[in-house]
Amino acid sequence: MTVFSLILLTYFMVVSGFIYDVIVEPPGIGSTQDPATGAVRPVVFLSGRVNGQYIIEGLSSGFMFVLGGIGLCCWILPLIKTGLGVSRFPTQSRDLLHCHCLCDDYALYPHQDSWLS
């Protein structure tokens, strides 16, 4: 369990952009002034810079990735403990996983999947 925790912590740090935060030292959260009222509002997404992020944006996205990974581990762990193994996934779960991978591929490479439209 210790090794799993260390791997999960390392994954969180890499995905959330910890190295970027150490090198660039961006602010934790931004702010913008509302033109109508003049009130200052907090902003979590950095606009106007490509590949830039606030610290809170990276940490929240890293947390969501880790949460999804833990969900997949909790999903597969009972199959491994009962001896069914991953190769005997229930059909609906396997189809759902294939659909998810297809949607990810379409989101990453939309110009290559022009035959779908």
PDB file of N, CA and C in Angstrom:
ATOM      1  N   MET A   1       0.818  -1.195   0.000  1.00  0.00           N
ATOM      2  CA  MET A   1       0.000   0.000   0.000  1.00  0.00           C
ATOM      3  C   MET A   1       0.863   1.260   0.000  1.00  0.00           C
ATOM      4  N   THR A   2       2.036   1.164   0.597  1.00  0.00           N
ATOM      5  CA  THR A   2       2.934   2.308   0.633  1.00  0.00           C
ATOM      6  C   THR A   2       3.433   2.656  -0.767  1.00  0.00           C
ATOM      7  N   VAL A   3       3.769   1.636  -1.529  1.00  0.00           N
ATOM      8  CA  VAL A   3       4.249   1.868  -2.894  1.00  0.00           C
ATOM      9  C   VAL A   3       3.137   2.481  -3.740  1.00  0.00           C
ATOM     10  N   PHE A   4       1.924   1.964  -3.589  1.00  0.00           N
ATOM     11  CA  PHE A   4       0.788   2.522  -4.323  1.00  0.00           C
ATOM     12  C   PHE A   4       0.569   3.983  -3.962  1.00  0.00           C
ATOM     13  N   SER A   5       0.670   4.315  -2.677  1.00  0.00           N
ATOM     14  CA  SER A   5       0.487   5.700  -2.240  1.00  0.00           C
ATOM     15  C   SER A   5       1.559   6.617  -2.817  1.00  0.00           C
ATOM     16  N   LEU A   6       2.796   6.137  -2.838  1.00  0.00           N
ATOM     17  CA  LEU A   6       3.882   6.946  -3.411  1.00  0.00           C
ATOM     18  C   LEU A   6       3.696   7.153  -4.914  1.00  0.00           C
ATOM     19  N   ILE A   7       3.281   6.101  -5.603  1.00  0.00           N
ATOM     20  CA  ILE A   7       3.032   6.228  -7.045  1.00  0.00           C
ATOM     21  C   ILE A   7       1.874   7.184  -7.304  1.00  0.00           C
ATOM     22  N   LEU A   8       0.823   7.101  -6.504  1.00  0.00           N
ATOM     23  CA  LEU A   8      -0.327   7.989  -6.657  1.00  0.00           C
ATOM     24  C   LEU A   8       0.048   9.437  -6.371  1.00  0.00           C
ATOM     25  N   LEU A   9       0.853   9.664  -5.346  1.00  0.00           N
ATOM     26  CA  LEU A   9       1.308  11.014  -5.023  1.00  0.00           C
ATOM     27  C   LEU A   9       2.192  11.573  -6.138  1.00  0.00           C
ATOM     28  N   THR A  10       3.072  10.747  -6.679  1.00  0.00           N
ATOM     29  CA  THR A  10       3.922  11.175  -7.794  1.00  0.00           C
ATOM     30  C   THR A  10       3.087  11.497  -9.020  1.00  0.00           C
ATOM     31  N   TYR A  11       2.097  10.661  -9.291  1.00  0.00           N
ATOM     32  CA  TYR A  11       1.192  10.900 -10.426  1.00  0.00           C
ATOM     33  C   TYR A  11       0.455  12.229 -10.249  1.00  0.00           C
ATOM     34  N   PHE A  12      -0.033  12.485  -9.034  1.00  0.00           N
ATOM     35  CA  PHE A  12      -0.725  13.743  -8.760  1.00  0.00           C
ATOM     36  C   PHE A  12       0.189  14.934  -9.000  1.00  0.00           C
ATOM     37  N   MET A  13       1.419  14.858  -8.534  1.00  0.00           N
ATOM     38  CA  MET A  13       2.345  15.983  -8.686  1.00  0.00           C
ATOM     39  C   MET A  13       2.694  16.231 -10.153  1.00  0.00           C
ATOM     40  N   VAL A  14       2.863  15.146 -10.912  1.00  0.00           N
ATOM     41  CA  VAL A  14       3.212  15.306 -12.329  1.00  0.00           C
ATOM     42  C   VAL A  14       2.032  15.857 -13.118  1.00  0.00           C
ATOM     43  N   VAL A  15       0.837  15.306 -12.882  1.00  0.00           N
ATOM     44  CA  VAL A  15      -0.337  15.718 -13.646  1.00  0.00           C
ATOM     45  C   VAL A  15      -0.774  17.139 -13.290  1.00  0.00           C
ATOM     46  N   SER A  16      -0.627  17.523 -12.033  1.00  0.00           N
ATOM     47  CA  SER A  16      -1.083  18.849 -11.623  1.00  0.00           C
ATOM     48  C   SER A  16      -0.106  19.955 -11.992  1.00  0.00           C
ATOM     49  N   GLY A  17       1.044  19.638 -12.525  1.00  0.00           N
ATOM     50  CA  GLY A  17       1.979  20.657 -12.975  1.00  0.00           C
ATOM     51  C   GLY A  17       2.869  21.199 -11.875  1.00  0.00           C
ATOM     52  N   PHE A  18       3.273  20.352 -10.969  1.00  0.00           N
ATOM     53  CA  PHE A  18       4.109  20.791  -9.846  1.00  0.00           C
ATOM     54  C   PHE A  18       5.446  21.342 -10.331  1.00  0.00           C
ATOM     55  N   ILE A  19       6.044  20.695 -11.318  1.00  0.00           N
ATOM     56  CA  ILE A  19       7.331  21.159 -11.858  1.00  0.00           C
ATOM     57  C   ILE A  19       7.165  22.543 -12.489  1.00  0.00           C
ATOM     58  N   TYR A  20       6.085  22.739 -13.232  1.00  0.00           N
ATOM     59  CA  TYR A  20       5.787  24.043 -13.833  1.00  0.00           C
ATOM     60  C   TYR A  20       5.640  25.107 -12.747  1.00  0.00           C
ATOM     61  N   ASP A  21       4.933  24.762 -11.669  1.00  0.00           N
ATOM     62  CA  ASP A  21       4.715  25.723 -10.590  1.00  0.00           C
ATOM     63  C   ASP A  21       6.023  26.105  -9.903  1.00  0.00           C
ATOM     64  N   VAL A  22       6.933  25.166  -9.767  1.00  0.00           N
ATOM     65  CA  VAL A  22       8.212  25.460  -9.129  1.00  0.00           C
ATOM     66  C   VAL A  22       9.079  26.342 -10.028  1.00  0.00           C
ATOM     67  N   ILE A  23       9.085  26.063 -11.316  1.00  0.00           N
ATOM     68  CA  ILE A  23       9.951  26.810 -12.234  1.00  0.00           C
ATOM     69  C   ILE A  23       9.407  28.199 -12.521  1.00  0.00           C
ATOM     70  N   VAL A  24       8.135  28.305 -12.883  1.00  0.00           N
ATOM     71  CA  VAL A  24       7.558  29.575 -13.337  1.00  0.00           C
ATOM     72  C   VAL A  24       7.075  30.439 -12.173  1.00  0.00           C
ATOM     73  N   GLU A  25       6.686  29.815 -11.066  1.00  0.00           N
ATOM     74  CA  GLU A  25       6.132  30.492  -9.893  1.00  0.00           C
ATOM     75  C   GLU A  25       4.932  31.380 -10.240  1.00  0.00           C
ATOM     76  N   PRO A  26       3.862  30.779 -10.786  1.00  0.00           N
ATOM     77  CA  PRO A  26       2.665  31.568 -11.094  1.00  0.00           C
ATOM     78  C   PRO A  26       1.903  31.895  -9.813  1.00  0.00           C
ATOM     79  N   PRO A  27       1.004  32.870  -9.862  1.00  0.00           N
ATOM     80  CA  PRO A  27       0.183  33.149  -8.674  1.00  0.00           C
ATOM     81  C   PRO A  27      -0.785  32.002  -8.402  1.00  0.00           C
ATOM     82  N   GLY A  28      -1.221  31.895  -7.163  1.00  0.00           N
ATOM     83  CA  GLY A  28      -2.130  30.824  -6.781  1.00  0.00           C
ATOM     84  C   GLY A  28      -3.479  30.948  -7.465  1.00  0.00           C
ATOM     85  N   ILE A  29      -3.989  32.155  -7.537  1.00  0.00           N
ATOM     86  CA  ILE A  29      -5.285  32.429  -8.153  1.00  0.00           C
ATOM     87  C   ILE A  29      -5.233  33.848  -8.696  1.00  0.00           C
ATOM     88  N   GLY A  30      -5.974  34.107  -9.767  1.00  0.00           N
ATOM     89  CA  GLY A  30      -5.975  35.428 -10.379  1.00  0.00           C
ATOM     90  C   GLY A  30      -7.201  36.232  -9.979  1.00  0.00           C
ATOM     91  N   SER A  31      -7.249  37.446 -10.471  1.00  0.00           N
ATOM     92  CA  SER A  31      -8.411  38.292 -10.217  1.00  0.00           C
ATOM     93  C   SER A  31      -8.640  39.196 -11.426  1.00  0.00           C
ATOM     94  N   THR A  32      -9.877  39.580 -11.597  1.00  0.00           N
ATOM     95  CA  THR A  32     -10.246  40.482 -12.674  1.00  0.00           C
ATOM     96  C   THR A  32     -11.287  41.462 -12.149  1.00  0.00           C
ATOM     97  N   GLN A  33     -11.318  42.640 -12.763  1.00  0.00           N
ATOM     98  CA  GLN A  33     -12.261  43.657 -12.326  1.00  0.00           C
ATOM     99  C   GLN A  33     -13.464  43.666 -13.252  1.00  0.00           C
ATOM    100  N   ASP A  34     -14.644  43.614 -12.669  1.00  0.00           N
ATOM    101  CA  ASP A  34     -15.881  43.655 -13.428  1.00  0.00           C
ATOM    102  C   ASP A  34     -16.057  45.057 -13.989  1.00  0.00           C
ATOM    103  N   PRO A  35     -16.203  45.199 -15.325  1.00  0.00           N
ATOM    104  CA  PRO A  35     -16.305  46.544 -15.903  1.00  0.00           C
ATOM    105  C   PRO A  35     -17.580  47.289 -15.504  1.00  0.00           C
ATOM    106  N   ALA A  36     -18.638  46.573 -15.219  1.00  0.00           N
ATOM    107  CA  ALA A  36     -19.907  47.231 -14.890  1.00  0.00           C
ATOM    108  C   ALA A  36     -19.931  47.745 -13.452  1.00  0.00           C
ATOM    109  N   THR A  37     -19.532  46.905 -12.510  1.00  0.00           N
ATOM    110  CA  THR A  37     -19.638  47.290 -11.104  1.00  0.00           C
ATOM    111  C   THR A  37     -18.319  47.734 -10.501  1.00  0.00           C
ATOM    112  N   GLY A  38     -17.216  47.331 -11.085  1.00  0.00           N
ATOM    113  CA  GLY A  38     -15.909  47.674 -10.546  1.00  0.00           C
ATOM    114  C   GLY A  38     -15.448  46.725  -9.445  1.00  0.00           C
ATOM    115  N   ALA A  39     -16.233  45.709  -9.162  1.00  0.00           N
ATOM    116  CA  ALA A  39     -15.868  44.743  -8.128  1.00  0.00           C
ATOM    117  C   ALA A  39     -14.783  43.803  -8.648  1.00  0.00           C
ATOM    118  N   VAL A  40     -13.913  43.373  -7.769  1.00  0.00           N
ATOM    119  CA  VAL A  40     -12.840  42.448  -8.124  1.00  0.00           C
ATOM    120  C   VAL A  40     -13.332  41.028  -7.869  1.00  0.00           C
ATOM    121  N   ARG A  41     -13.244  40.182  -8.920  1.00  0.00           N
ATOM    122  CA  ARG A  41     -13.692  38.800  -8.829  1.00  0.00           C
ATOM    123  C   ARG A  41     -12.502  37.862  -8.984  1.00  0.00           C
ATOM    124  N   PRO A  42     -12.518  36.738  -8.261  1.00  0.00           N
ATOM    125  CA  PRO A  42     -11.435  35.760  -8.442  1.00  0.00           C
ATOM    126  C   PRO A  42     -11.577  35.014  -9.767  1.00  0.00           C
ATOM    127  N   VAL A  43     -10.445  34.648 -10.358  1.00  0.00           N
ATOM    128  CA  VAL A  43     -10.410  33.919 -11.631  1.00  0.00           C
ATOM    129  C   VAL A  43      -9.489  32.716 -11.432  1.00  0.00           C
ATOM    130  N   VAL A  44      -9.954  31.537 -11.846  1.00  0.00           N
ATOM    131  CA  VAL A  44      -9.133  30.342 -11.682  1.00  0.00           C
ATOM    132  C   VAL A  44      -8.475  29.884 -12.983  1.00  0.00           C
ATOM    133  N   PHE A  45      -8.969  30.323 -14.137  1.00  0.00           N
ATOM    134  CA  PHE A  45      -8.382  29.933 -15.416  1.00  0.00           C
ATOM    135  C   PHE A  45      -7.614  31.107 -15.999  1.00  0.00           C
ATOM    136  N   LEU A  46      -6.364  30.885 -16.329  1.00  0.00           N
ATOM    137  CA  LEU A  46      -5.497  31.916 -16.875  1.00  0.00           C
ATOM    138  C   LEU A  46      -5.812  32.101 -18.352  1.00  0.00           C
ATOM    139  N   SER A  47      -6.246  33.282 -18.718  1.00  0.00           N
ATOM    140  CA  SER A  47      -6.554  33.549 -20.129  1.00  0.00           C
ATOM    141  C   SER A  47      -5.488  34.467 -20.713  1.00  0.00           C
ATOM    142  N   GLY A  48      -5.292  34.336 -22.006  1.00  0.00           N
ATOM    143  CA  GLY A  48      -4.344  35.205 -22.689  1.00  0.00           C
ATOM    144  C   GLY A  48      -2.954  34.629 -22.822  1.00  0.00           C
ATOM    145  N   ARG A  49      -2.671  33.513 -22.191  1.00  0.00           N
ATOM    146  CA  ARG A  49      -1.360  32.861 -22.313  1.00  0.00           C
ATOM    147  C   ARG A  49      -1.558  31.403 -22.672  1.00  0.00           C
ATOM    148  N   VAL A  50      -0.893  30.959 -23.701  1.00  0.00           N
ATOM    149  CA  VAL A  50      -0.952  29.559 -24.085  1.00  0.00           C
ATOM    150  C   VAL A  50      -0.049  28.770 -23.131  1.00  0.00           C
ATOM    151  N   ASN A  51      -0.515  27.634 -22.686  1.00  0.00           N
ATOM    152  CA  ASN A  51       0.216  26.743 -21.772  1.00  0.00           C
ATOM    153  C   ASN A  51       0.526  27.385 -20.429  1.00  0.00           C
ATOM    154  N   GLY A  52      -0.278  28.340 -19.996  1.00  0.00           N
ATOM    155  CA  GLY A  52      -0.113  28.941 -18.687  1.00  0.00           C
ATOM    156  C   GLY A  52      -1.241  28.509 -17.771  1.00  0.00           C
ATOM    157  N   GLN A  53      -0.977  28.474 -16.473  1.00  0.00           N
ATOM    158  CA  GLN A  53      -2.020  28.085 -15.532  1.00  0.00           C
ATOM    159  C   GLN A  53      -1.726  28.681 -14.168  1.00  0.00           C
ATOM    160  N   TYR A  54      -2.792  28.919 -13.415  1.00  0.00           N
ATOM    161  CA  TYR A  54      -2.651  29.275 -12.014  1.00  0.00           C
ATOM    162  C   TYR A  54      -2.426  27.988 -11.223  1.00  0.00           C
ATOM    163  N   ILE A  55      -1.912  28.115 -10.018  1.00  0.00           N
ATOM    164  CA  ILE A  55      -1.633  26.938  -9.201  1.00  0.00           C
ATOM    165  C   ILE A  55      -2.916  26.170  -8.896  1.00  0.00           C
ATOM    166  N   ILE A  56      -3.980  26.874  -8.562  1.00  0.00           N
ATOM    167  CA  ILE A  56      -5.228  26.205  -8.192  1.00  0.00           C
ATOM    168  C   ILE A  56      -5.823  25.442  -9.375  1.00  0.00           C
ATOM    169  N   GLU A  57      -5.605  25.930 -10.590  1.00  0.00           N
ATOM    170  CA  GLU A  57      -6.107  25.235 -11.778  1.00  0.00           C
ATOM    171  C   GLU A  57      -5.406  23.889 -11.960  1.00  0.00           C
ATOM    172  N   GLY A  58      -4.101  23.879 -11.790  1.00  0.00           N
ATOM    173  CA  GLY A  58      -3.355  22.636 -11.920  1.00  0.00           C
ATOM    174  C   GLY A  58      -3.686  21.643 -10.826  1.00  0.00           C
ATOM    175  N   LEU A  59      -3.810  22.129  -9.588  1.00  0.00           N
ATOM    176  CA  LEU A  59      -4.121  21.217  -8.482  1.00  0.00           C
ATOM    177  C   LEU A  59      -5.508  20.616  -8.613  1.00  0.00           C
ATOM    178  N   SER A  60      -6.473  21.411  -9.061  1.00  0.00           N
ATOM    179  CA  SER A  60      -7.826  20.874  -9.198  1.00  0.00           C
ATOM    180  C   SER A  60      -7.904  19.859 -10.342  1.00  0.00           C
ATOM    181  N   SER A  61      -7.224  20.106 -11.447  1.00  0.00           N
ATOM    182  CA  SER A  61      -7.238  19.124 -12.537  1.00  0.00           C
ATOM    183  C   SER A  61      -6.488  17.863 -12.136  1.00  0.00           C
ATOM    184  N   GLY A  62      -5.382  18.003 -11.421  1.00  0.00           N
ATOM    185  CA  GLY A  62      -4.662  16.833 -10.931  1.00  0.00           C
ATOM    186  C   GLY A  62      -5.499  16.007  -9.976  1.00  0.00           C
ATOM    187  N   PHE A  63      -6.279  16.688  -9.115  1.00  0.00           N
ATOM    188  CA  PHE A  63      -7.160  15.974  -8.188  1.00  0.00           C
ATOM    189  C   PHE A  63      -8.222  15.191  -8.946  1.00  0.00           C
ATOM    190  N   MET A  64      -8.764  15.779 -10.012  1.00  0.00           N
ATOM    191  CA  MET A  64      -9.792  15.074 -10.783  1.00  0.00           C
ATOM    192  C   MET A  64      -9.210  13.845 -11.493  1.00  0.00           C
ATOM    193  N   PHE A  65      -7.984  13.956 -12.011  1.00  0.00           N
ATOM    194  CA  PHE A  65      -7.347  12.799 -12.639  1.00  0.00           C
ATOM    195  C   PHE A  65      -7.093  11.693 -11.621  1.00  0.00           C
ATOM    196  N   VAL A  66      -6.617  12.067 -10.432  1.00  0.00           N
ATOM    197  CA  VAL A  66      -6.367  11.072  -9.388  1.00  0.00           C
ATOM    198  C   VAL A  66      -7.671  10.440  -8.931  1.00  0.00           C
ATOM    199  N   LEU A  67      -8.718  11.235  -8.815  1.00  0.00           N
ATOM    200  CA  LEU A  67     -10.018  10.699  -8.425  1.00  0.00           C
ATOM    201  C   LEU A  67     -10.534   9.687  -9.448  1.00  0.00           C
ATOM    202  N   GLY A  68     -10.351   9.977 -10.724  1.00  0.00           N
ATOM    203  CA  GLY A  68     -10.729   9.027 -11.770  1.00  0.00           C
ATOM    204  C   GLY A  68      -9.896   7.762 -11.721  1.00  0.00           C
ATOM    205  N   GLY A  69      -8.606   7.894 -11.448  1.00  0.00           N
ATOM    206  CA  GLY A  69      -7.741   6.717 -11.333  1.00  0.00           C
ATOM    207  C   GLY A  69      -8.105   5.843 -10.152  1.00  0.00           C
ATOM    208  N   ILE A  70      -8.439   6.467  -9.024  1.00  0.00           N
ATOM    209  CA  ILE A  70      -8.867   5.699  -7.849  1.00  0.00           C
ATOM    210  C   ILE A  70     -10.199   5.002  -8.144  1.00  0.00           C
ATOM    211  N   GLY A  71     -11.075   5.675  -8.884  1.00  0.00           N
ATOM    212  CA  GLY A  71     -12.337   5.053  -9.260  1.00  0.00           C
ATOM    213  C   GLY A  71     -12.126   3.816 -10.121  1.00  0.00           C
ATOM    214  N   LEU A  72     -11.184   3.892 -11.070  1.00  0.00           N
ATOM    215  CA  LEU A  72     -10.884   2.711 -11.892  1.00  0.00           C
ATOM    216  C   LEU A  72     -10.282   1.592 -11.055  1.00  0.00           C
ATOM    217  N   CYS A  73      -9.425   1.948 -10.100  1.00  0.00           N
ATOM    218  CA  CYS A  73      -8.840   0.921  -9.231  1.00  0.00           C
ATOM    219  C   CYS A  73      -9.921   0.253  -8.391  1.00  0.00           C
ATOM    220  N   CYS A  74     -10.853   1.030  -7.855  1.00  0.00           N
ATOM    221  CA  CYS A  74     -11.956   0.468  -7.063  1.00  0.00           C
ATOM    222  C   CYS A  74     -12.885  -0.373  -7.930  1.00  0.00           C
ATOM    223  N   TRP A  75     -12.934  -0.075  -9.203  1.00  0.00           N
ATOM    224  CA  TRP A  75     -13.784  -0.802 -10.133  1.00  0.00           C
ATOM    225  C   TRP A  75     -13.186  -2.168 -10.470  1.00  0.00           C
ATOM    226  N   ILE A  76     -11.863  -2.230 -10.611  1.00  0.00           N
ATOM    227  CA  ILE A  76     -11.186  -3.449 -11.031  1.00  0.00           C
ATOM    228  C   ILE A  76     -10.794  -4.326  -9.845  1.00  0.00           C
ATOM    229  N   LEU A  77     -10.554  -3.740  -8.679  1.00  0.00           N
ATOM    230  CA  LEU A  77     -10.075  -4.491  -7.522  1.00  0.00           C
ATOM    231  C   LEU A  77     -10.965  -5.665  -7.133  1.00  0.00           C
ATOM    232  N   PRO A  78     -12.284  -5.544  -7.087  1.00  0.00           N
ATOM    233  CA  PRO A  78     -13.100  -6.724  -6.750  1.00  0.00           C
ATOM    234  C   PRO A  78     -12.962  -7.867  -7.759  1.00  0.00           C
ATOM    235  N   LEU A  79     -12.759  -7.546  -9.021  1.00  0.00           N
ATOM    236  CA  LEU A  79     -12.575  -8.603 -10.021  1.00  0.00           C
ATOM    237  C   LEU A  79     -11.278  -9.360  -9.792  1.00  0.00           C
ATOM    238  N   ILE A  80     -10.250  -8.648  -9.371  1.00  0.00           N
ATOM    239  CA  ILE A  80      -8.968  -9.301  -9.128  1.00  0.00           C
ATOM    240  C   ILE A  80      -9.046 -10.150  -7.863  1.00  0.00           C
ATOM    241  N   LYS A  81      -9.714  -9.633  -6.825  1.00  0.00           N
ATOM    242  CA  LYS A  81      -9.793 -10.365  -5.556  1.00  0.00           C
ATOM    243  C   LYS A  81     -10.647 -11.629  -5.669  1.00  0.00           C
ATOM    244  N   THR A  82     -11.656 -11.620  -6.531  1.00  0.00           N
ATOM    245  CA  THR A  82     -12.493 -12.809  -6.679  1.00  0.00           C
ATOM    246  C   THR A  82     -11.895 -13.825  -7.633  1.00  0.00           C
ATOM    247  N   GLY A  83     -10.806 -13.499  -8.275  1.00  0.00           N
ATOM    248  CA  GLY A  83     -10.153 -14.437  -9.164  1.00  0.00           C
ATOM    249  C   GLY A  83     -10.656 -14.396 -10.585  1.00  0.00           C
ATOM    250  N   LEU A  84     -11.573 -13.488 -10.880  1.00  0.00           N
ATOM    251  CA  LEU A  84     -12.068 -13.401 -12.254  1.00  0.00           C
ATOM    252  C   LEU A  84     -11.030 -12.785 -13.178  1.00  0.00           C
ATOM    253  N   GLY A  85     -10.228 -11.890 -12.660  1.00  0.00           N
ATOM    254  CA  GLY A  85      -9.204 -11.247 -13.467  1.00  0.00           C
ATOM    255  C   GLY A  85      -9.780 -10.181 -14.365  1.00  0.00           C
ATOM    256  N   VAL A  86      -8.909  -9.391 -14.918  1.00  0.00           N
ATOM    257  CA  VAL A  86      -9.331  -8.292 -15.774  1.00  0.00           C
ATOM    258  C   VAL A  86      -9.804  -8.807 -17.123  1.00  0.00           C
ATOM    259  N   SER A  87      -9.324  -9.967 -17.548  1.00  0.00           N
ATOM    260  CA  SER A  87      -9.698 -10.482 -18.859  1.00  0.00           C
ATOM    261  C   SER A  87     -11.162 -10.911 -18.911  1.00  0.00           C
ATOM    262  N   ARG A  88     -11.816 -11.092 -17.740  1.00  0.00           N
ATOM    263  CA  ARG A  88     -13.212 -11.494 -17.713  1.00  0.00           C
ATOM    264  C   ARG A  88     -14.100 -10.356 -17.260  1.00  0.00           C
ATOM    265  N   PHE A  89     -13.811  -9.160 -17.769  1.00  0.00           N
ATOM    266  CA  PHE A  89     -14.647  -7.996 -17.478  1.00  0.00           C
ATOM    267  C   PHE A  89     -16.090  -8.284 -17.871  1.00  0.00           C
ATOM    268  N   PRO A  90     -17.032  -7.810 -17.107  1.00  0.00           N
ATOM    269  CA  PRO A  90     -18.418  -7.904 -17.582  1.00  0.00           C
ATOM    270  C   PRO A  90     -18.573  -7.163 -18.906  1.00  0.00           C
ATOM    271  N   THR A  91     -19.440  -7.645 -19.748  1.00  0.00           N
ATOM    272  CA  THR A  91     -19.571  -7.113 -21.104  1.00  0.00           C
ATOM    273  C   THR A  91     -19.940  -5.641 -21.112  1.00  0.00           C
ATOM    274  N   GLN A  92     -20.855  -5.226 -20.248  1.00  0.00           N
ATOM    275  CA  GLN A  92     -21.261  -3.821 -20.231  1.00  0.00           C
ATOM    276  C   GLN A  92     -20.117  -2.916 -19.820  1.00  0.00           C
ATOM    277  N   SER A  93     -19.332  -3.335 -18.840  1.00  0.00           N
ATOM    278  CA  SER A  93     -18.200  -2.526 -18.389  1.00  0.00           C
ATOM    279  C   SER A  93     -17.155  -2.401 -19.490  1.00  0.00           C
ATOM    280  N   ARG A  94     -16.897  -3.512 -20.185  1.00  0.00           N
ATOM    281  CA  ARG A  94     -15.918  -3.479 -21.267  1.00  0.00           C
ATOM    282  C   ARG A  94     -16.387  -2.570 -22.398  1.00  0.00           C
ATOM    283  N   ASP A  95     -17.677  -2.640 -22.743  1.00  0.00           N
ATOM    284  CA  ASP A  95     -18.205  -1.779 -23.794  1.00  0.00           C
ATOM    285  C   ASP A  95     -18.149  -0.311 -23.389  1.00  0.00           C
ATOM    286  N   LEU A  96     -18.421  -0.028 -22.126  1.00  0.00           N
ATOM    287  CA  LEU A  96     -18.349   1.345 -21.633  1.00  0.00           C
ATOM    288  C   LEU A  96     -16.927   1.871 -21.716  1.00  0.00           C
ATOM    289  N   LEU A  97     -15.956   1.028 -21.367  1.00  0.00           N
ATOM    290  CA  LEU A  97     -14.557   1.432 -21.435  1.00  0.00           C
ATOM    291  C   LEU A  97     -14.136   1.677 -22.878  1.00  0.00           C
ATOM    292  N   HIS A  98     -14.577   0.845 -23.814  1.00  0.00           N
ATOM    293  CA  HIS A  98     -14.246   1.046 -25.227  1.00  0.00           C
ATOM    294  C   HIS A  98     -14.878   2.334 -25.759  1.00  0.00           C
ATOM    295  N   CYS A  99     -16.114   2.614 -25.357  1.00  0.00           N
ATOM    296  CA  CYS A  99     -16.787   3.848 -25.776  1.00  0.00           C
ATOM    297  C   CYS A  99     -16.044   5.061 -25.254  1.00  0.00           C
ATOM    298  N   HIS A 100     -15.566   4.985 -23.994  1.00  0.00           N
ATOM    299  CA  HIS A 100     -14.814   6.089 -23.401  1.00  0.00           C
ATOM    300  C   HIS A 100     -13.518   6.332 -24.164  1.00  0.00           C
ATOM    301  N   CYS A 101     -12.816   5.259 -24.519  1.00  0.00           N
ATOM    302  CA  CYS A 101     -11.558   5.408 -25.265  1.00  0.00           C
ATOM    303  C   CYS A 101     -11.807   5.982 -26.652  1.00  0.00           C
ATOM    304  N   LEU A 102     -12.891   5.570 -27.300  1.00  0.00           N
ATOM    305  CA  LEU A 102     -13.224   6.109 -28.616  1.00  0.00           C
ATOM    306  C   LEU A 102     -13.533   7.601 -28.529  1.00  0.00           C
ATOM    307  N   CYS A 103     -14.264   8.001 -27.488  1.00  0.00           N
ATOM    308  CA  CYS A 103     -14.581   9.422 -27.321  1.00  0.00           C
ATOM    309  C   CYS A 103     -13.331  10.233 -27.039  1.00  0.00           C
ATOM    310  N   ASP A 104     -12.396   9.673 -26.256  1.00  0.00           N
ATOM    311  CA  ASP A 104     -11.136  10.367 -26.004  1.00  0.00           C
ATOM    312  C   ASP A 104     -10.347  10.533 -27.293  1.00  0.00           C
ATOM    313  N   ASP A 105     -10.293   9.479 -28.105  1.00  0.00           N
ATOM    314  CA  ASP A 105      -9.571   9.576 -29.369  1.00  0.00           C
ATOM    315  C   ASP A 105     -10.206  10.615 -30.286  1.00  0.00           C
ATOM    316  N   TYR A 106     -11.519  10.678 -30.308  1.00  0.00           N
ATOM    317  CA  TYR A 106     -12.195  11.653 -31.160  1.00  0.00           C
ATOM    318  C   TYR A 106     -11.950  13.071 -30.656  1.00  0.00           C
ATOM    319  N   ALA A 107     -11.884  13.255 -29.334  1.00  0.00           N
ATOM    320  CA  ALA A 107     -11.634  14.590 -28.778  1.00  0.00           C
ATOM    321  C   ALA A 107     -10.205  15.032 -29.042  1.00  0.00           C
ATOM    322  N   LEU A 108      -9.257  14.087 -29.034  1.00  0.00           N
ATOM    323  CA  LEU A 108      -7.855  14.454 -29.237  1.00  0.00           C
ATOM    324  C   LEU A 108      -7.519  14.659 -30.710  1.00  0.00           C
ATOM    325  N   TYR A 109      -8.124  13.855 -31.588  1.00  0.00           N
ATOM    326  CA  TYR A 109      -7.790  13.896 -33.000  1.00  0.00           C
ATOM    327  C   TYR A 109      -9.053  14.043 -33.853  1.00  0.00           C
ATOM    328  N   PRO A 110      -9.749  15.174 -33.767  1.00  0.00           N
ATOM    329  CA  PRO A 110     -11.010  15.278 -34.506  1.00  0.00           C
ATOM    330  C   PRO A 110     -10.829  15.332 -36.020  1.00  0.00           C
ATOM    331  N   HIS A 111      -9.690  15.837 -36.500  1.00  0.00           N
ATOM    332  CA  HIS A 111      -9.507  15.945 -37.950  1.00  0.00           C
ATOM    333  C   HIS A 111      -9.253  14.585 -38.590  1.00  0.00           C
ATOM    334  N   GLN A 112      -8.762  13.605 -37.835  1.00  0.00           N
ATOM    335  CA  GLN A 112      -8.506  12.297 -38.395  1.00  0.00           C
ATOM    336  C   GLN A 112      -9.755  11.425 -38.436  1.00  0.00           C
ATOM    337  N   ASP A 113     -10.793  11.792 -37.681  1.00  0.00           N
ATOM    338  CA  ASP A 113     -12.016  11.003 -37.653  1.00  0.00           C
ATOM    339  C   ASP A 113     -13.109  11.668 -38.466  1.00  0.00           C
ATOM    340  N   SER A 114     -12.748  12.225 -39.619  1.00  0.00           N
ATOM    341  CA  SER A 114     -13.751  12.924 -40.428  1.00  0.00           C
ATOM    342  C   SER A 114     -14.754  11.960 -41.046  1.00  0.00           C
ATOM    343  N   TRP A 115     -14.453  10.666 -41.069  1.00  0.00           N
ATOM    344  CA  TRP A 115     -15.382   9.687 -41.645  1.00  0.00           C
ATOM    345  C   TRP A 115     -16.602   9.500 -40.761  1.00  0.00           C
ATOM    346  N   LEU A 116     -16.548   9.961 -39.484  1.00  0.00           N
ATOM    347  CA  LEU A 116     -17.718   9.834 -38.602  1.00  0.00           C
ATOM    348  C   LEU A 116     -18.802  10.836 -38.929  1.00  0.00           C
ATOM    349  N   SER A 117     -18.441  11.963 -39.500  1.00  0.00           N
ATOM    350  CA  SER A 117     -19.445  13.001 -39.744  1.00  0.00           C
ATOM    351  C   SER A 117     -20.031  12.923 -41.137  1.00  0.00           C
TER     352      SER A 117
END
